[in-house]
Amino acid sequence: MKSYYLHFIRHGAISSTLQGRYIGVTDVPLSEKGKKEIERMAATMDYPYAKVVFTSPLKRCTQTARRIYPDLDPLVVDQLSECHFGEWENKTADELKGDELFSKWLAGDMNVKPPRGESTADFTRRICLMFENIVDGLMKTGTTDAAFIMHGGVMNTILAVYGLPQAKPFDWACDNGYGYSLRITPSLWMRDKVAEVFERIPKNREDDEE
């Protein structure tokens, strides 16, 4: 039985002025530095082969997808968007200090919902339903190699739920332009809904030559 290879790649960097802020559905583009860094990585490192590329509709993902896989038209999936932080969007933790709801959310309460936003529980359900639907579609069409240009929160959530070895979301955190390759075996997926995380990506060219 064939295996399916899925490659998760975090989008390139956005403006440093936004670092430390909750940037979820705010549609900010890659910074100029972020564009150049992704282009450098695509030119000097090896990203995995893919027949199809899925991406969030937000610019920081679509711009990354076009730089890493310029020969493929990305398939935009709305449900791949980052968590909606509602009224907490573009704010820092310091700016939200003293907000009782934010304190509960920060403490890990899955059901706390930012005002006009999305709770962690709702976000996780959305992401998991989307991912399972995509995997089922890949299997139905026999598409064995797929790349996903993702937000950090989306990637970490999927890997924490489905990835082997098991790890917490923050354990899967990676820098912009980097990610992981997963192997899905249909029989194991149908039985346990798990995927083997077997490699960090992209690979250095010298690693390929060894």
N, C-alpha and C. Protein backbone atom coordinates (compact mmCIF):
# COMPACT_ATOMS: atom_id res chain seq x y z
N MET A 1 0.84 -1.20 0.00
CA MET A 1 0.00 0.00 0.00
C MET A 1 0.88 1.25 0.00
N LYS A 2 0.53 2.23 -0.85
CA LYS A 2 1.36 3.43 -0.98
C LYS A 2 1.26 4.31 0.26
N SER A 3 2.32 5.08 0.48
CA SER A 3 2.33 6.06 1.56
C SER A 3 2.13 7.45 0.97
N TYR A 4 1.69 8.37 1.81
CA TYR A 4 1.45 9.75 1.39
C TYR A 4 2.40 10.65 2.17
N TYR A 5 3.04 11.57 1.44
CA TYR A 5 4.04 12.44 2.04
C TYR A 5 3.52 13.88 2.04
N LEU A 6 3.39 14.43 3.22
CA LEU A 6 2.89 15.78 3.40
C LEU A 6 4.00 16.64 4.01
N HIS A 7 4.19 17.82 3.45
CA HIS A 7 5.29 18.68 3.87
C HIS A 7 4.73 20.00 4.40
N PHE A 8 4.94 20.23 5.69
CA PHE A 8 4.45 21.43 6.35
C PHE A 8 5.57 22.47 6.39
N ILE A 9 5.30 23.65 5.88
CA ILE A 9 6.31 24.72 5.85
C ILE A 9 5.71 26.00 6.42
N ARG A 10 6.39 26.58 7.38
CA ARG A 10 5.91 27.83 7.97
C ARG A 10 6.23 28.99 7.02
N HIS A 11 5.30 29.91 6.91
CA HIS A 11 5.48 31.06 6.01
C HIS A 11 6.68 31.91 6.40
N GLY A 12 7.10 32.78 5.47
CA GLY A 12 8.23 33.66 5.71
C GLY A 12 7.93 34.74 6.73
N ALA A 13 8.94 35.52 7.05
CA ALA A 13 8.84 36.51 8.12
C ALA A 13 8.02 37.73 7.70
N ILE A 14 7.32 38.30 8.68
CA ILE A 14 6.61 39.55 8.47
C ILE A 14 7.40 40.66 9.15
N SER A 15 6.89 41.87 9.12
CA SER A 15 7.63 43.02 9.65
C SER A 15 7.99 42.83 11.12
N SER A 16 9.20 43.23 11.47
CA SER A 16 9.66 43.10 12.85
C SER A 16 8.83 43.97 13.79
N THR A 17 8.18 45.00 13.26
CA THR A 17 7.34 45.87 14.10
C THR A 17 6.12 45.12 14.64
N LEU A 18 5.80 43.97 14.03
CA LEU A 18 4.64 43.19 14.44
C LEU A 18 5.02 42.06 15.39
N GLN A 19 6.31 41.83 15.59
CA GLN A 19 6.75 40.73 16.44
C GLN A 19 6.27 40.95 17.86
N GLY A 20 5.79 39.86 18.47
CA GLY A 20 5.27 39.95 19.82
C GLY A 20 3.81 40.32 19.87
N ARG A 21 3.21 40.61 18.71
CA ARG A 21 1.79 40.93 18.65
C ARG A 21 1.01 39.70 18.19
N TYR A 22 -0.25 39.65 18.56
CA TYR A 22 -1.11 38.55 18.13
C TYR A 22 -1.62 38.86 16.73
N ILE A 23 -0.93 38.27 15.75
CA ILE A 23 -1.29 38.47 14.34
C ILE A 23 -1.93 37.17 13.85
N GLY A 24 -3.24 37.14 13.83
CA GLY A 24 -3.96 35.95 13.40
C GLY A 24 -4.47 36.13 11.98
N VAL A 25 -5.70 36.64 11.87
CA VAL A 25 -6.30 36.80 10.54
C VAL A 25 -5.97 38.15 9.91
N THR A 26 -5.23 39.00 10.61
CA THR A 26 -4.78 40.25 10.01
C THR A 26 -3.91 39.92 8.80
N ASP A 27 -4.27 40.47 7.64
CA ASP A 27 -3.62 40.04 6.39
C ASP A 27 -2.39 40.87 6.07
N VAL A 28 -1.32 40.63 6.80
CA VAL A 28 -0.08 41.36 6.56
C VAL A 28 0.78 40.57 5.56
N PRO A 29 1.51 41.27 4.68
CA PRO A 29 2.37 40.58 3.71
C PRO A 29 3.70 40.21 4.33
N LEU A 30 4.50 39.46 3.59
CA LEU A 30 5.88 39.23 3.99
C LEU A 30 6.62 40.56 4.00
N SER A 31 7.55 40.71 4.91
CA SER A 31 8.43 41.88 4.88
C SER A 31 9.41 41.72 3.73
N GLU A 32 10.07 42.80 3.35
CA GLU A 32 11.08 42.69 2.28
C GLU A 32 12.19 41.73 2.69
N LYS A 33 12.57 41.79 3.97
CA LYS A 33 13.57 40.86 4.48
C LYS A 33 13.04 39.43 4.41
N GLY A 34 11.76 39.26 4.75
CA GLY A 34 11.15 37.94 4.70
C GLY A 34 11.11 37.37 3.30
N LYS A 35 10.80 38.22 2.31
CA LYS A 35 10.79 37.77 0.91
C LYS A 35 12.18 37.32 0.47
N LYS A 36 13.17 38.13 0.79
CA LYS A 36 14.54 37.81 0.37
C LYS A 36 15.04 36.53 1.04
N GLU A 37 14.68 36.35 2.30
CA GLU A 37 15.13 35.16 3.03
C GLU A 37 14.51 33.89 2.45
N ILE A 38 13.23 33.93 2.13
CA ILE A 38 12.57 32.77 1.53
C ILE A 38 13.16 32.49 0.15
N GLU A 39 13.41 33.52 -0.63
CA GLU A 39 14.01 33.35 -1.95
C GLU A 39 15.41 32.75 -1.83
N ARG A 40 16.17 33.19 -0.83
CA ARG A 40 17.52 32.64 -0.62
C ARG A 40 17.42 31.16 -0.24
N MET A 41 16.51 30.83 0.65
CA MET A 41 16.36 29.44 1.08
C MET A 41 15.93 28.55 -0.09
N ALA A 42 15.00 29.06 -0.90
CA ALA A 42 14.53 28.27 -2.04
C ALA A 42 15.64 28.03 -3.06
N ALA A 43 16.59 28.99 -3.16
CA ALA A 43 17.67 28.88 -4.13
C ALA A 43 18.84 28.04 -3.63
N THR A 44 19.01 27.96 -2.32
CA THR A 44 20.22 27.32 -1.79
C THR A 44 19.93 26.05 -0.97
N MET A 45 18.66 25.78 -0.69
CA MET A 45 18.31 24.61 0.09
C MET A 45 17.28 23.78 -0.68
N ASP A 46 17.06 22.55 -0.25
CA ASP A 46 16.16 21.65 -0.97
C ASP A 46 14.84 21.47 -0.23
N TYR A 47 13.80 22.05 -0.81
CA TYR A 47 12.44 21.79 -0.33
C TYR A 47 11.92 20.53 -1.00
N PRO A 48 11.05 19.78 -0.35
CA PRO A 48 10.58 18.53 -0.92
C PRO A 48 9.74 18.73 -2.19
N TYR A 49 9.78 17.72 -3.04
CA TYR A 49 8.94 17.68 -4.22
C TYR A 49 7.47 17.64 -3.80
N ALA A 50 6.63 18.33 -4.55
CA ALA A 50 5.19 18.29 -4.29
C ALA A 50 4.43 18.36 -5.61
N LYS A 51 3.33 17.64 -5.67
CA LYS A 51 2.44 17.70 -6.83
C LYS A 51 1.39 18.79 -6.65
N VAL A 52 1.11 19.13 -5.40
CA VAL A 52 0.10 20.13 -5.10
C VAL A 52 0.53 20.90 -3.86
N VAL A 53 0.15 22.18 -3.83
CA VAL A 53 0.49 23.03 -2.69
C VAL A 53 -0.79 23.65 -2.15
N PHE A 54 -1.04 23.42 -0.86
CA PHE A 54 -2.16 24.03 -0.17
C PHE A 54 -1.65 25.22 0.63
N THR A 55 -2.45 26.29 0.67
CA THR A 55 -2.01 27.46 1.42
C THR A 55 -3.19 28.19 2.04
N SER A 56 -2.90 28.86 3.14
CA SER A 56 -3.85 29.79 3.74
C SER A 56 -4.12 30.91 2.73
N PRO A 57 -5.28 31.59 2.81
CA PRO A 57 -5.54 32.71 1.91
C PRO A 57 -4.77 33.97 2.25
N LEU A 58 -4.12 34.01 3.41
CA LEU A 58 -3.44 35.23 3.84
C LEU A 58 -2.13 35.42 3.09
N LYS A 59 -1.82 36.69 2.81
CA LYS A 59 -0.69 37.03 1.93
C LYS A 59 0.63 36.42 2.36
N ARG A 60 0.88 36.36 3.65
CA ARG A 60 2.18 35.84 4.10
C ARG A 60 2.37 34.38 3.73
N CYS A 61 1.28 33.67 3.52
CA CYS A 61 1.37 32.27 3.07
C CYS A 61 1.38 32.16 1.55
N THR A 62 0.48 32.88 0.88
CA THR A 62 0.45 32.77 -0.59
C THR A 62 1.74 33.29 -1.21
N GLN A 63 2.33 34.36 -0.63
CA GLN A 63 3.59 34.88 -1.14
C GLN A 63 4.73 33.90 -0.92
N THR A 64 4.71 33.20 0.19
CA THR A 64 5.72 32.18 0.46
C THR A 64 5.58 31.02 -0.51
N ALA A 65 4.35 30.58 -0.73
CA ALA A 65 4.09 29.45 -1.63
C ALA A 65 4.63 29.72 -3.02
N ARG A 66 4.42 30.91 -3.52
CA ARG A 66 4.85 31.24 -4.88
C ARG A 66 6.36 31.33 -5.00
N ARG A 67 7.04 31.58 -3.91
CA ARG A 67 8.51 31.65 -3.95
C ARG A 67 9.16 30.27 -3.80
N ILE A 68 8.54 29.40 -3.03
CA ILE A 68 9.12 28.07 -2.85
C ILE A 68 8.71 27.11 -3.97
N TYR A 69 7.46 27.23 -4.44
CA TYR A 69 6.94 26.36 -5.50
C TYR A 69 6.40 27.21 -6.65
N PRO A 70 7.29 27.91 -7.37
CA PRO A 70 6.85 28.85 -8.40
C PRO A 70 6.13 28.19 -9.58
N ASP A 71 6.31 26.90 -9.78
CA ASP A 71 5.69 26.22 -10.91
C ASP A 71 4.32 25.64 -10.58
N LEU A 72 3.87 25.81 -9.36
CA LEU A 72 2.58 25.26 -8.95
C LEU A 72 1.63 26.40 -8.56
N ASP A 73 0.38 26.31 -9.00
CA ASP A 73 -0.64 27.25 -8.57
C ASP A 73 -1.17 26.80 -7.21
N PRO A 74 -0.96 27.59 -6.16
CA PRO A 74 -1.39 27.14 -4.84
C PRO A 74 -2.91 27.01 -4.73
N LEU A 75 -3.34 25.98 -4.04
CA LEU A 75 -4.76 25.79 -3.75
C LEU A 75 -5.06 26.47 -2.42
N VAL A 76 -5.85 27.53 -2.46
CA VAL A 76 -6.13 28.32 -1.27
C VAL A 76 -7.27 27.68 -0.47
N VAL A 77 -6.99 27.43 0.80
CA VAL A 77 -7.98 26.80 1.70
C VAL A 77 -8.26 27.77 2.85
N ASP A 78 -9.46 28.32 2.88
CA ASP A 78 -9.80 29.32 3.90
C ASP A 78 -9.58 28.80 5.32
N GLN A 79 -9.87 27.51 5.53
CA GLN A 79 -9.76 26.95 6.87
C GLN A 79 -8.32 26.78 7.34
N LEU A 80 -7.35 27.06 6.46
CA LEU A 80 -5.94 27.02 6.86
C LEU A 80 -5.49 28.34 7.49
N SER A 81 -6.41 29.30 7.62
CA SER A 81 -6.06 30.58 8.23
C SER A 81 -5.65 30.39 9.69
N GLU A 82 -4.86 31.33 10.17
CA GLU A 82 -4.43 31.32 11.57
C GLU A 82 -5.63 31.57 12.47
N CYS A 83 -5.46 31.37 13.76
CA CYS A 83 -6.51 31.61 14.74
C CYS A 83 -6.98 33.07 14.68
N HIS A 84 -8.29 33.28 14.85
CA HIS A 84 -8.86 34.63 14.86
C HIS A 84 -8.81 35.14 16.29
N PHE A 85 -7.95 36.13 16.53
CA PHE A 85 -7.79 36.66 17.88
C PHE A 85 -8.77 37.78 18.21
N GLY A 86 -9.70 38.09 17.31
CA GLY A 86 -10.73 39.08 17.59
C GLY A 86 -10.16 40.42 17.99
N GLU A 87 -10.63 40.93 19.13
CA GLU A 87 -10.18 42.25 19.58
C GLU A 87 -8.76 42.23 20.13
N TRP A 88 -8.18 41.03 20.24
CA TRP A 88 -6.78 40.94 20.67
C TRP A 88 -5.80 41.03 19.50
N GLU A 89 -6.32 41.03 18.29
CA GLU A 89 -5.45 41.14 17.12
C GLU A 89 -4.59 42.40 17.20
N ASN A 90 -3.31 42.23 16.84
CA ASN A 90 -2.34 43.34 16.78
C ASN A 90 -1.95 43.89 18.15
N LYS A 91 -2.36 43.21 19.21
CA LYS A 91 -1.99 43.66 20.55
C LYS A 91 -0.93 42.72 21.13
N THR A 92 -0.16 43.24 22.08
CA THR A 92 0.85 42.43 22.76
C THR A 92 0.29 41.91 24.09
N ALA A 93 0.98 40.96 24.67
CA ALA A 93 0.56 40.44 25.97
C ALA A 93 0.59 41.54 27.03
N ASP A 94 1.56 42.45 26.92
CA ASP A 94 1.64 43.55 27.89
C ASP A 94 0.42 44.46 27.78
N GLU A 95 -0.02 44.69 26.55
CA GLU A 95 -1.19 45.55 26.34
C GLU A 95 -2.47 44.90 26.85
N LEU A 96 -2.47 43.58 26.93
CA LEU A 96 -3.66 42.85 27.39
C LEU A 96 -3.57 42.46 28.85
N LYS A 97 -2.49 42.84 29.51
CA LYS A 97 -2.31 42.52 30.93
C LYS A 97 -3.45 43.15 31.73
N GLY A 98 -4.01 42.36 32.63
CA GLY A 98 -5.12 42.87 33.42
C GLY A 98 -6.47 42.47 32.87
N ASP A 99 -6.50 41.99 31.64
CA ASP A 99 -7.74 41.48 31.04
C ASP A 99 -7.97 40.07 31.58
N GLU A 100 -9.03 39.90 32.38
CA GLU A 100 -9.29 38.62 33.04
C GLU A 100 -9.51 37.50 32.03
N LEU A 101 -10.20 37.80 30.93
CA LEU A 101 -10.45 36.80 29.90
C LEU A 101 -9.15 36.36 29.24
N PHE A 102 -8.28 37.33 28.98
CA PHE A 102 -6.99 37.03 28.37
C PHE A 102 -6.15 36.17 29.31
N SER A 103 -6.19 36.45 30.59
CA SER A 103 -5.42 35.66 31.57
C SER A 103 -5.87 34.21 31.58
N LYS A 104 -7.18 33.98 31.49
CA LYS A 104 -7.70 32.61 31.44
C LYS A 104 -7.27 31.92 30.15
N TRP A 105 -7.31 32.65 29.05
CA TRP A 105 -6.90 32.10 27.76
C TRP A 105 -5.42 31.74 27.79
N LEU A 106 -4.62 32.64 28.36
CA LEU A 106 -3.18 32.42 28.43
C LEU A 106 -2.85 31.22 29.34
N ALA A 107 -3.70 30.98 30.32
CA ALA A 107 -3.49 29.86 31.24
C ALA A 107 -3.88 28.52 30.63
N GLY A 108 -4.45 28.56 29.42
CA GLY A 108 -4.74 27.32 28.71
C GLY A 108 -6.19 26.90 28.68
N ASP A 109 -7.11 27.80 29.06
CA ASP A 109 -8.53 27.47 28.99
C ASP A 109 -8.96 27.41 27.52
N MET A 110 -9.22 26.20 27.03
CA MET A 110 -9.51 25.98 25.61
C MET A 110 -10.79 26.65 25.15
N ASN A 111 -11.71 26.92 26.09
CA ASN A 111 -13.01 27.42 25.70
C ASN A 111 -13.15 28.93 25.80
N VAL A 112 -12.11 29.59 26.28
CA VAL A 112 -12.14 31.06 26.33
C VAL A 112 -12.07 31.61 24.92
N LYS A 113 -12.98 32.50 24.61
CA LYS A 113 -13.04 33.08 23.27
C LYS A 113 -12.70 34.57 23.33
N PRO A 114 -11.67 35.02 22.59
CA PRO A 114 -11.40 36.46 22.54
C PRO A 114 -12.65 37.18 22.03
N PRO A 115 -12.92 38.38 22.50
CA PRO A 115 -14.09 39.10 22.00
C PRO A 115 -14.08 39.18 20.47
N ARG A 116 -15.16 38.69 19.86
CA ARG A 116 -15.31 38.64 18.40
C ARG A 116 -14.22 37.79 17.74
N GLY A 117 -13.70 36.83 18.50
CA GLY A 117 -12.65 35.96 17.97
C GLY A 117 -13.01 34.49 18.07
N GLU A 118 -11.98 33.67 18.17
CA GLU A 118 -12.13 32.22 18.09
C GLU A 118 -11.43 31.57 19.28
N SER A 119 -12.13 30.69 19.98
CA SER A 119 -11.51 29.99 21.10
C SER A 119 -10.51 28.97 20.58
N THR A 120 -9.60 28.55 21.45
CA THR A 120 -8.63 27.52 21.08
C THR A 120 -9.35 26.23 20.68
N ALA A 121 -10.42 25.90 21.38
CA ALA A 121 -11.19 24.69 21.07
C ALA A 121 -11.81 24.79 19.68
N ASP A 122 -12.41 25.94 19.37
CA ASP A 122 -13.02 26.13 18.04
C ASP A 122 -11.95 26.10 16.94
N PHE A 123 -10.83 26.75 17.21
CA PHE A 123 -9.72 26.76 16.25
C PHE A 123 -9.23 25.35 15.98
N THR A 124 -9.04 24.57 17.04
CA THR A 124 -8.56 23.19 16.89
C THR A 124 -9.54 22.35 16.10
N ARG A 125 -10.83 22.48 16.39
CA ARG A 125 -11.84 21.72 15.64
C ARG A 125 -11.82 22.08 14.16
N ARG A 126 -11.71 23.38 13.88
CA ARG A 126 -11.68 23.84 12.47
C ARG A 126 -10.48 23.25 11.73
N ILE A 127 -9.32 23.34 12.36
CA ILE A 127 -8.09 22.87 11.74
C ILE A 127 -8.12 21.36 11.53
N CYS A 128 -8.58 20.64 12.52
CA CYS A 128 -8.59 19.17 12.42
C CYS A 128 -9.57 18.69 11.35
N LEU A 129 -10.75 19.29 11.29
CA LEU A 129 -11.73 18.91 10.26
C LEU A 129 -11.16 19.19 8.88
N MET A 130 -10.54 20.35 8.72
CA MET A 130 -9.93 20.71 7.43
C MET A 130 -8.84 19.71 7.06
N PHE A 131 -7.97 19.39 8.00
CA PHE A 131 -6.84 18.50 7.70
C PHE A 131 -7.32 17.11 7.33
N GLU A 132 -8.25 16.58 8.07
CA GLU A 132 -8.76 15.24 7.77
C GLU A 132 -9.44 15.20 6.40
N ASN A 133 -10.16 16.27 6.06
CA ASN A 133 -10.80 16.33 4.74
C ASN A 133 -9.77 16.36 3.62
N ILE A 134 -8.68 17.10 3.82
CA ILE A 134 -7.64 17.16 2.80
C ILE A 134 -6.94 15.81 2.65
N VAL A 135 -6.61 15.18 3.77
CA VAL A 135 -5.97 13.86 3.70
C VAL A 135 -6.87 12.87 2.99
N ASP A 136 -8.16 12.86 3.32
CA ASP A 136 -9.09 11.96 2.65
C ASP A 136 -9.13 12.24 1.15
N GLY A 137 -9.09 13.51 0.77
CA GLY A 137 -9.09 13.88 -0.64
C GLY A 137 -7.84 13.43 -1.36
N LEU A 138 -6.68 13.56 -0.69
CA LEU A 138 -5.42 13.11 -1.28
C LEU A 138 -5.46 11.60 -1.53
N MET A 139 -6.02 10.87 -0.59
CA MET A 139 -6.10 9.41 -0.74
C MET A 139 -7.06 9.01 -1.85
N LYS A 140 -8.17 9.71 -1.96
CA LYS A 140 -9.15 9.39 -2.99
C LYS A 140 -8.58 9.63 -4.39
N THR A 141 -7.75 10.67 -4.51
CA THR A 141 -7.18 11.01 -5.83
C THR A 141 -5.82 10.37 -6.06
N GLY A 142 -5.26 9.72 -5.01
CA GLY A 142 -3.94 9.10 -5.16
C GLY A 142 -2.80 10.09 -5.24
N THR A 143 -3.01 11.30 -4.71
CA THR A 143 -1.97 12.33 -4.72
C THR A 143 -1.04 12.12 -3.54
N THR A 144 0.15 11.62 -3.83
CA THR A 144 1.05 11.16 -2.76
C THR A 144 2.01 12.21 -2.21
N ASP A 145 2.14 13.35 -2.88
CA ASP A 145 3.11 14.36 -2.44
C ASP A 145 2.45 15.73 -2.40
N ALA A 146 2.31 16.28 -1.20
CA ALA A 146 1.63 17.57 -1.06
C ALA A 146 2.38 18.46 -0.07
N ALA A 147 2.45 19.75 -0.39
CA ALA A 147 3.06 20.73 0.51
C ALA A 147 1.97 21.63 1.07
N PHE A 148 2.19 22.08 2.29
CA PHE A 148 1.27 22.99 2.96
C PHE A 148 2.07 24.20 3.43
N ILE A 149 1.71 25.38 2.97
CA ILE A 149 2.34 26.60 3.47
C ILE A 149 1.44 27.12 4.59
N MET A 150 1.97 27.14 5.82
CA MET A 150 1.11 27.26 6.99
C MET A 150 1.56 28.36 7.95
N HIS A 151 0.62 28.72 8.81
CA HIS A 151 0.91 29.58 9.95
C HIS A 151 1.45 28.71 11.08
N GLY A 152 2.25 29.30 11.95
CA GLY A 152 2.83 28.54 13.03
C GLY A 152 1.80 27.87 13.92
N GLY A 153 0.74 28.60 14.26
CA GLY A 153 -0.29 28.03 15.12
C GLY A 153 -1.00 26.86 14.49
N VAL A 154 -1.24 26.93 13.19
CA VAL A 154 -1.91 25.85 12.46
C VAL A 154 -1.00 24.62 12.44
N MET A 155 0.26 24.82 12.07
CA MET A 155 1.21 23.71 12.01
C MET A 155 1.35 23.02 13.36
N ASN A 156 1.57 23.81 14.41
CA ASN A 156 1.79 23.24 15.73
C ASN A 156 0.57 22.46 16.22
N THR A 157 -0.62 22.96 15.90
CA THR A 157 -1.85 22.29 16.32
C THR A 157 -2.02 20.94 15.63
N ILE A 158 -1.82 20.92 14.32
CA ILE A 158 -1.98 19.66 13.57
C ILE A 158 -0.96 18.62 14.05
N LEU A 159 0.28 19.05 14.22
CA LEU A 159 1.32 18.10 14.64
C LEU A 159 1.07 17.59 16.06
N ALA A 160 0.55 18.44 16.93
CA ALA A 160 0.27 18.00 18.30
C ALA A 160 -0.87 16.99 18.33
N VAL A 161 -1.83 17.12 17.42
CA VAL A 161 -2.99 16.22 17.40
C VAL A 161 -2.66 14.90 16.69
N TYR A 162 -1.98 14.98 15.54
CA TYR A 162 -1.81 13.81 14.69
C TYR A 162 -0.38 13.26 14.62
N GLY A 163 0.59 14.06 15.01
CA GLY A 163 1.98 13.69 14.77
C GLY A 163 2.54 12.64 15.71
N LEU A 164 3.39 11.78 15.16
CA LEU A 164 4.19 10.83 15.93
C LEU A 164 5.66 11.12 15.63
N PRO A 165 6.51 11.31 16.65
CA PRO A 165 6.22 11.12 18.07
C PRO A 165 5.29 12.21 18.62
N GLN A 166 4.56 11.87 19.69
CA GLN A 166 3.65 12.82 20.30
C GLN A 166 4.42 13.91 21.02
N ALA A 167 3.93 15.14 20.87
CA ALA A 167 4.57 16.28 21.54
C ALA A 167 3.54 17.40 21.68
N LYS A 168 3.82 18.33 22.59
CA LYS A 168 2.95 19.48 22.79
C LYS A 168 3.10 20.45 21.62
N PRO A 169 2.09 21.31 21.40
CA PRO A 169 2.17 22.26 20.28
C PRO A 169 3.46 23.07 20.24
N PHE A 170 3.88 23.62 21.39
CA PHE A 170 5.07 24.48 21.39
C PHE A 170 6.35 23.71 21.08
N ASP A 171 6.33 22.39 21.26
CA ASP A 171 7.51 21.58 20.94
C ASP A 171 7.76 21.51 19.44
N TRP A 172 6.73 21.81 18.65
CA TRP A 172 6.85 21.75 17.19
C TRP A 172 7.20 23.11 16.57
N ALA A 173 7.37 24.11 17.39
CA ALA A 173 7.65 25.45 16.86
C ALA A 173 8.94 25.45 16.03
N CYS A 174 8.93 26.19 14.93
CA CYS A 174 10.12 26.28 14.07
C CYS A 174 10.21 27.68 13.47
N ASP A 175 11.37 28.01 12.93
CA ASP A 175 11.59 29.32 12.34
C ASP A 175 10.86 29.45 11.00
N ASN A 176 10.72 30.70 10.56
CA ASN A 176 10.07 30.97 9.27
C ASN A 176 10.81 30.26 8.14
N GLY A 177 10.03 29.65 7.24
CA GLY A 177 10.60 28.96 6.08
C GLY A 177 10.98 27.52 6.34
N TYR A 178 10.90 27.09 7.60
CA TYR A 178 11.23 25.72 7.96
C TYR A 178 9.97 24.93 8.30
N GLY A 179 10.12 23.62 8.46
CA GLY A 179 8.96 22.81 8.78
C GLY A 179 9.31 21.34 8.93
N TYR A 180 8.33 20.50 8.62
CA TYR A 180 8.46 19.05 8.83
C TYR A 180 7.82 18.27 7.70
N SER A 181 8.35 17.10 7.43
CA SER A 181 7.74 16.16 6.49
C SER A 181 7.07 15.04 7.28
N LEU A 182 5.86 14.67 6.83
CA LEU A 182 5.08 13.62 7.48
C LEU A 182 4.83 12.49 6.49
N ARG A 183 4.77 11.29 7.01
CA ARG A 183 4.41 10.12 6.21
C ARG A 183 3.10 9.55 6.74
N ILE A 184 2.13 9.40 5.86
CA ILE A 184 0.84 8.82 6.26
C ILE A 184 0.66 7.49 5.55
N THR A 185 0.45 6.45 6.35
CA THR A 185 0.14 5.13 5.83
C THR A 185 -1.37 4.94 5.93
N PRO A 186 -2.06 4.68 4.81
CA PRO A 186 -3.53 4.63 4.83
C PRO A 186 -4.12 3.74 5.90
N SER A 187 -3.58 2.55 6.09
CA SER A 187 -4.16 1.63 7.09
C SER A 187 -4.06 2.21 8.50
N LEU A 188 -2.91 2.82 8.80
CA LEU A 188 -2.71 3.41 10.12
C LEU A 188 -3.58 4.66 10.30
N TRP A 189 -3.70 5.42 9.22
CA TRP A 189 -4.54 6.63 9.26
C TRP A 189 -6.01 6.25 9.50
N MET A 190 -6.48 5.25 8.79
CA MET A 190 -7.88 4.84 8.94
C MET A 190 -8.15 4.32 10.35
N ARG A 191 -7.15 3.67 10.95
CA ARG A 191 -7.35 3.08 12.27
C ARG A 191 -7.14 4.07 13.41
N ASP A 192 -6.05 4.85 13.34
CA ASP A 192 -5.65 5.67 14.49
C ASP A 192 -5.56 7.17 14.21
N LYS A 193 -5.70 7.58 12.94
CA LYS A 193 -5.56 9.00 12.57
C LYS A 193 -4.25 9.58 13.09
N VAL A 194 -3.12 8.95 12.70
CA VAL A 194 -1.80 9.45 13.09
C VAL A 194 -0.90 9.52 11.85
N ALA A 195 0.11 10.37 11.96
CA ALA A 195 1.08 10.55 10.87
C ALA A 195 2.48 10.57 11.46
N GLU A 196 3.41 9.90 10.80
CA GLU A 196 4.80 9.85 11.26
C GLU A 196 5.55 11.10 10.80
N VAL A 197 6.07 11.86 11.74
CA VAL A 197 6.89 13.03 11.42
C VAL A 197 8.33 12.52 11.32
N PHE A 198 8.88 12.52 10.11
CA PHE A 198 10.16 11.83 9.93
C PHE A 198 11.33 12.72 9.56
N GLU A 199 11.09 14.02 9.28
CA GLU A 199 12.22 14.83 8.81
C GLU A 199 11.94 16.31 8.99
N ARG A 200 13.01 17.05 9.31
CA ARG A 200 12.94 18.52 9.30
C ARG A 200 13.26 19.00 7.89
N ILE A 201 12.58 20.05 7.46
CA ILE A 201 12.81 20.61 6.12
C ILE A 201 12.92 22.14 6.22
N PRO A 202 13.60 22.76 5.20
CA PRO A 202 14.28 22.16 4.05
C PRO A 202 15.62 21.57 4.45
N LYS A 203 16.20 20.79 3.54
CA LYS A 203 17.49 20.17 3.80
C LYS A 203 18.61 21.00 3.18
N ASN A 204 19.74 21.02 3.86
CA ASN A 204 20.92 21.67 3.28
C ASN A 204 21.41 20.86 2.09
N ARG A 205 21.90 21.51 1.07
CA ARG A 205 22.38 20.81 -0.12
C ARG A 205 23.51 19.84 0.23
N GLU A 206 24.38 20.23 1.17
CA GLU A 206 25.51 19.35 1.50
C GLU A 206 25.01 18.09 2.18
N ASP A 207 23.84 18.15 2.85
CA ASP A 207 23.29 16.94 3.46
C ASP A 207 22.91 15.93 2.39
N ASP A 208 22.42 16.42 1.25
CA ASP A 208 22.02 15.54 0.16
C ASP A 208 23.22 14.85 -0.49
N GLU A 209 24.38 15.51 -0.41
CA GLU A 209 25.56 14.99 -1.10
C GLU A 209 26.29 13.94 -0.27
N GLU A 210 25.96 13.85 1.02
CA GLU A 210 26.67 12.88 1.89
C GLU A 210 26.20 11.46 1.62
